[in-house]
């Protein structure tokens, strides 16, 4: 009986893996500046602050905000997006160009 319960859990565990994208922030600059993702699918962004000061990944349309100290790596999970472009920026460096997520 226990193997039946385990067999029913395994497919859901496989589905739990999210597509993952890496984004580095160095003194307000994002690398890569544009993430291309699949529309309609949840995904994870691993954020890595490789700069000398604090950084903030913020996106108003996505309602996401994450502050990172220097050298910190963390992540955010983004809900399924409709096709389109979603800007993000570093609030500590508002004078620098925005990055973006392109959902297709």
C-alpha atoms as a PDB file:
ATOM      1  CA  UNK A   1       0.000   0.000   0.000  1.00  0.00           C
ATOM      2  CA  UNK A   2       2.845   2.392   0.808  1.00  0.00           C
ATOM      3  CA  UNK A   3       4.313   2.006  -2.682  1.00  0.00           C
ATOM      4  CA  UNK A   4       0.974   3.143  -4.163  1.00  0.00           C
ATOM      5  CA  UNK A   5       1.112   6.316  -2.110  1.00  0.00           C
ATOM      6  CA  UNK A   6       4.720   6.916  -3.158  1.00  0.00           C
ATOM      7  CA  UNK A   7       3.888   6.296  -6.815  1.00  0.00           C
ATOM      8  CA  UNK A   8       1.126   8.905  -6.655  1.00  0.00           C
ATOM      9  CA  UNK A   9       3.503  11.495  -5.156  1.00  0.00           C
ATOM     10  CA  UNK A  10       6.397  11.036  -7.622  1.00  0.00           C
ATOM     11  CA  UNK A  11       4.664  12.621 -10.657  1.00  0.00           C
ATOM     12  CA  UNK A  12       3.755  15.717  -8.637  1.00  0.00           C
ATOM     13  CA  UNK A  13       7.347  15.999  -7.391  1.00  0.00           C
ATOM     14  CA  UNK A  14       8.607  15.965 -10.986  1.00  0.00           C
ATOM     15  CA  UNK A  15       6.149  18.691 -11.923  1.00  0.00           C
ATOM     16  CA  UNK A  16       7.318  20.831  -8.991  1.00  0.00           C
ATOM     17  CA  UNK A  17      10.614  21.695 -10.713  1.00  0.00           C
ATOM     18  CA  UNK A  18      10.397  25.235 -12.039  1.00  0.00           C
ATOM     19  CA  UNK A  19      12.280  26.637 -15.018  1.00  0.00           C
ATOM     20  CA  UNK A  20      15.112  28.642 -13.469  1.00  0.00           C
ATOM     21  CA  UNK A  21      16.884  31.744 -14.785  1.00  0.00           C
ATOM     22  CA  UNK A  22      19.970  33.404 -13.295  1.00  0.00           C
ATOM     23  CA  UNK A  23      20.264  37.164 -12.973  1.00  0.00           C
ATOM     24  CA  UNK A  24      23.362  38.944 -11.646  1.00  0.00           C
ATOM     25  CA  UNK A  25      23.268  42.501 -10.322  1.00  0.00           C
ATOM     26  CA  UNK A  26      26.440  44.578 -10.167  1.00  0.00           C
ATOM     27  CA  UNK A  27      26.088  48.176  -9.026  1.00  0.00           C
ATOM     28  CA  UNK A  28      22.705  48.605 -10.728  1.00  0.00           C
ATOM     29  CA  UNK A  29      23.521  46.696 -13.923  1.00  0.00           C
ATOM     30  CA  UNK A  30      21.656  43.465 -14.703  1.00  0.00           C
ATOM     31  CA  UNK A  31      23.229  40.516 -16.521  1.00  0.00           C
ATOM     32  CA  UNK A  32      21.539  39.465 -18.682  1.00  0.00           C
ATOM     33  CA  UNK A  33      19.486  42.643 -19.183  1.00  0.00           C
ATOM     34  CA  UNK A  34      16.561  40.679 -20.676  1.00  0.00           C
ATOM     35  CA  UNK A  35      15.174  37.318 -19.590  1.00  0.00           C
ATOM     36  CA  UNK A  36      13.084  35.481 -22.183  1.00  0.00           C
ATOM     37  CA  UNK A  37      10.557  33.161 -20.534  1.00  0.00           C
ATOM     38  CA  UNK A  38       7.601  31.034 -21.567  1.00  0.00           C
ATOM     39  CA  UNK A  39       4.259  32.780 -21.119  1.00  0.00           C
ATOM     40  CA  UNK A  40       1.724  31.019 -18.925  1.00  0.00           C
ATOM     41  CA  UNK A  41       4.298  29.162 -16.800  1.00  0.00           C
ATOM     42  CA  UNK A  42       5.639  29.851 -13.298  1.00  0.00           C
ATOM     43  CA  UNK A  43       9.408  30.249 -13.082  1.00  0.00           C
ATOM     44  CA  UNK A  44      12.191  31.048 -10.659  1.00  0.00           C
ATOM     45  CA  UNK A  45      14.817  33.787 -10.929  1.00  0.00           C
ATOM     46  CA  UNK A  46      18.015  33.229  -8.943  1.00  0.00           C
ATOM     47  CA  UNK A  47      19.354  36.681  -8.016  1.00  0.00           C
ATOM     48  CA  UNK A  48      23.044  37.206  -7.270  1.00  0.00           C
ATOM     49  CA  UNK A  49      24.381  40.560  -6.065  1.00  0.00           C
ATOM     50  CA  UNK A  50      27.997  40.610  -7.238  1.00  0.00           C
ATOM     51  CA  UNK A  51      28.382  44.362  -6.643  1.00  0.00           C
ATOM     52  CA  UNK A  52      30.043  46.289  -3.824  1.00  0.00           C
ATOM     53  CA  UNK A  53      26.829  47.745  -2.398  1.00  0.00           C
ATOM     54  CA  UNK A  54      23.233  46.707  -1.774  1.00  0.00           C
ATOM     55  CA  UNK A  55      20.973  45.943  -4.725  1.00  0.00           C
ATOM     56  CA  UNK A  56      17.230  45.721  -5.147  1.00  0.00           C
ATOM     57  CA  UNK A  57      15.378  43.680  -7.744  1.00  0.00           C
ATOM     58  CA  UNK A  58      12.043  45.456  -8.129  1.00  0.00           C
ATOM     59  CA  UNK A  59       9.223  45.174 -10.642  1.00  0.00           C
ATOM     60  CA  UNK A  60       6.050  47.194 -10.209  1.00  0.00           C
ATOM     61  CA  UNK A  61       3.927  45.232 -12.735  1.00  0.00           C
ATOM     62  CA  UNK A  62       5.025  41.920 -11.197  1.00  0.00           C
ATOM     63  CA  UNK A  63       4.615  43.187  -7.618  1.00  0.00           C
ATOM     64  CA  UNK A  64       8.031  41.812  -6.665  1.00  0.00           C
ATOM     65  CA  UNK A  65      10.688  43.466  -4.530  1.00  0.00           C
ATOM     66  CA  UNK A  66      13.828  41.832  -3.144  1.00  0.00           C
ATOM     67  CA  UNK A  67      16.756  43.605  -1.441  1.00  0.00           C
ATOM     68  CA  UNK A  68      20.178  41.925  -1.508  1.00  0.00           C
ATOM     69  CA  UNK A  69      23.290  42.766   0.486  1.00  0.00           C
ATOM     70  CA  UNK A  70      26.634  42.518  -1.341  1.00  0.00           C
ATOM     71  CA  UNK A  71      27.545  38.895  -2.094  1.00  0.00           C
ATOM     72  CA  UNK A  72      24.049  37.553  -1.388  1.00  0.00           C
ATOM     73  CA  UNK A  73      22.256  35.036  -3.606  1.00  0.00           C
ATOM     74  CA  UNK A  74      18.498  34.506  -3.269  1.00  0.00           C
ATOM     75  CA  UNK A  75      15.529  33.795  -5.515  1.00  0.00           C
ATOM     76  CA  UNK A  76      12.017  34.903  -6.422  1.00  0.00           C
ATOM     77  CA  UNK A  77       9.239  32.826  -7.966  1.00  0.00           C
ATOM     78  CA  UNK A  78       7.180  34.593 -10.632  1.00  0.00           C
ATOM     79  CA  UNK A  79       3.567  33.653 -11.330  1.00  0.00           C
ATOM     80  CA  UNK A  80       2.522  32.686 -14.882  1.00  0.00           C
ATOM     81  CA  UNK A  81       2.699  35.758 -17.137  1.00  0.00           C
ATOM     82  CA  UNK A  82       0.680  36.797 -20.140  1.00  0.00           C
ATOM     83  CA  UNK A  83       2.734  37.484 -23.269  1.00  0.00           C
ATOM     84  CA  UNK A  84       4.452  40.858 -23.010  1.00  0.00           C
ATOM     85  CA  UNK A  85       7.392  42.762 -21.548  1.00  0.00           C
ATOM     86  CA  UNK A  86       7.721  43.305 -17.810  1.00  0.00           C
ATOM     87  CA  UNK A  87      10.353  45.824 -16.643  1.00  0.00           C
ATOM     88  CA  UNK A  88      12.467  45.511 -13.499  1.00  0.00           C
ATOM     89  CA  UNK A  89      15.018  47.870 -11.961  1.00  0.00           C
ATOM     90  CA  UNK A  90      17.421  48.425  -9.070  1.00  0.00           C
ATOM     91  CA  UNK A  91      15.868  51.052  -6.815  1.00  0.00           C
ATOM     92  CA  UNK A  92      19.310  51.886  -5.401  1.00  0.00           C
ATOM     93  CA  UNK A  93      20.382  52.949  -8.926  1.00  0.00           C
ATOM     94  CA  UNK A  94      17.275  54.468 -10.572  1.00  0.00           C
ATOM     95  CA  UNK A  95      19.356  56.468 -13.076  1.00  0.00           C
ATOM     96  CA  UNK A  96      20.553  53.265 -14.788  1.00  0.00           C
ATOM     97  CA  UNK A  97      18.643  51.420 -17.534  1.00  0.00           C
ATOM     98  CA  UNK A  98      15.930  48.945 -16.581  1.00  0.00           C
ATOM     99  CA  UNK A  99      16.093  45.243 -17.223  1.00  0.00           C
ATOM    100  CA  UNK A 100      13.137  43.251 -18.443  1.00  0.00           C
ATOM    101  CA  UNK A 101      11.338  39.946 -18.706  1.00  0.00           C
ATOM    102  CA  UNK A 102       9.925  39.054 -22.097  1.00  0.00           C
ATOM    103  CA  UNK A 103       7.158  36.459 -21.845  1.00  0.00           C
ATOM    104  CA  UNK A 104       6.401  34.739 -25.162  1.00  0.00           C
END
